[in-house]
Structure formats: structure tokens, C-alpha cells
């Protein structure tokens, strides 16, 4: 029997969405291609996993049992891969740190400096990730720790919060809201939206304001991999983007940034995989916690920014 991990991931997506259409959108694949992969999986297993009608998709009893087991199997595979990677990279003399754009902003440099002072023989390898992996390597186990923005699918991951940034919206200079000093979430719900190039449903739900939509889908017209790509698209009027307050440090011609007064804040935290918590990881978390607690002025500036000040550059 030949079963591929991609087929298992496709199966999980359909099982969670109970819709081939939504699962295909989440995975960024064609619905026809997804259906073929599921049929091939069922054929290889000689098991019917889904009961399909013209209106509904439901798990069969066999499919429900398989879903429970296959999640654990994929997690075990991730663990095995990470163990091999840890041996390969020499875990005792290196810490791999993942980060999205901006990392921990103005706390990044103090944290790294303090950690290097504590462990002068340890090499910190910083890996940057795009929106395709909002966990910054935690989901795949390709990093030891990460400066991560929550929320995202975080099974098996622990966190130490650092700060929480207000949400902002990027609009074109010609947009009807561009002259405002702030906006409210309900004013944005019908706007063409630029989403992130990820299949993480938790991340997308947060940045697409699903909590305000009463179950209606967000009108996503395009997806981007980076903040710079988003800025270009907003400036040309493709759509709007929900972003964090740190975007104000990257002024861009033709783009206005407005606080979203009633949106939840975006938490930046140090994250690590619970199953791979080493002494070095614990030390990094302790250092990050100490810098956070001894620099309240930096934390306050990040959590309560002056939106008129767009000149302060982040430390990356």
C-alpha cells in the first residue's frame, strides 16, 4: 500500500472542513485535484473515508477513526524529522531561532545580546520565514525557538508572551477611509481584502476579522507572502490589509495606516515545541522574559504606540 503524506494532509483538511470546496481553498489546490487525491487514498486503503452527497460531506465511521490516528502519525513523523535535524545541526553548540518580519521588534537586539553574553560559545542561527509559515518554523520543528505572532495552529507549542500590538489597516491614499484617524472593524467587512499566503486557518481567521463576520467568508481577493508585497498591492488599490502597529515604521508611498479601534491586539511571544524543550531553549526563554520585565519602557512603546510617529526603525 502506497500512501503519501500529502494525501494524509489533504484528508485532514477535508475532514476538518467537511467541504471539498473549502478544503481546496484552504490548501490552495484545485477542487478536482483534491478529490482525485482523496479517491486515490481511499483506493490505496480499500476504505471509504467520506460519505458524499450533492449537499453534504461527512466522515464515515472508518474515516473518523482514521482521522484520530493519522493526526498522531503525522505528529510522530514531525518529531522524528526534528530529532534527525537536531543531530545534524549539532544541538549542543547552536540555537536555531525562527522569526517573521520584524522578529520581536525593539526587544530583539537586547534579547539576543543578553543570550550571547550568557552563552558566548553558542551560535544563534536566525531563520526568517514568510507568511507561508506563520509559526516561524515551530509547526515543522525546523527551529528550536521562535519569535512568533499569535494566534496560529499551535498544537504542542508553549509560549512566553512579550508584548501585544494594536491592529491597523493599510488602505490606499485614495481610499474613502484614508483621511480618518481610526476605523472600526465593521467598516472594513465589505472591503476587498488581501490575505496571507498560508493555509493556517487560525492565522487567517484572526487577520481576516472572522470574529466580526458572523460566519460569512472574508472577501479575500489576493494573498501575499510578505509585508512589502502587501504594501505594493495596497498602494495600487487591489485591496486592504490588516496588519500590526509595527507597519507604521515602513512608510510607503500611496499607503495610509489607520488603527482599528475595536480589533483585538496581536501578541508577539517566544514559542518552542514542548516535546523538544532543551536546557538551551529554557535559557533563551528565561533571557527573553528577563529583558521583557526589565525594559517596561520598550514594552509600553510597543503596546501603546504613538501612531503619528513613523520614524522609529525596528531592531531586526
Foldseek 3Di string as FASTA:
>chain_A
DDDDVVLVVLLLLCAVVQDLVVSCVLVVHDSVVSVVSPVVVCVVVVHDQWDDDPVTIHGDPVNVVCNVVVVVVVVVVLVVVLVVVCVVVPVVAEFEEFEEPCQVWQLVVQLVVVLCVVPVRHYYHYDYFWLQDQQRCQVSNPGAKYFHKDDFPAVQKDWDWQAWFFKKKKAFCPDPCQPDQAAAPVVQQPWAEEAANYSTPRRRCQFQVVVPVVPDDGNHDYHDTHPVVQLVCRQVPVTMGMDTLLCLLPDDPRMGMHTHVPRGTMITIMMGRNVNCDPSNVVSNVSSVVSSVVCVVVNCCRHPPDSVDNHDGTDD
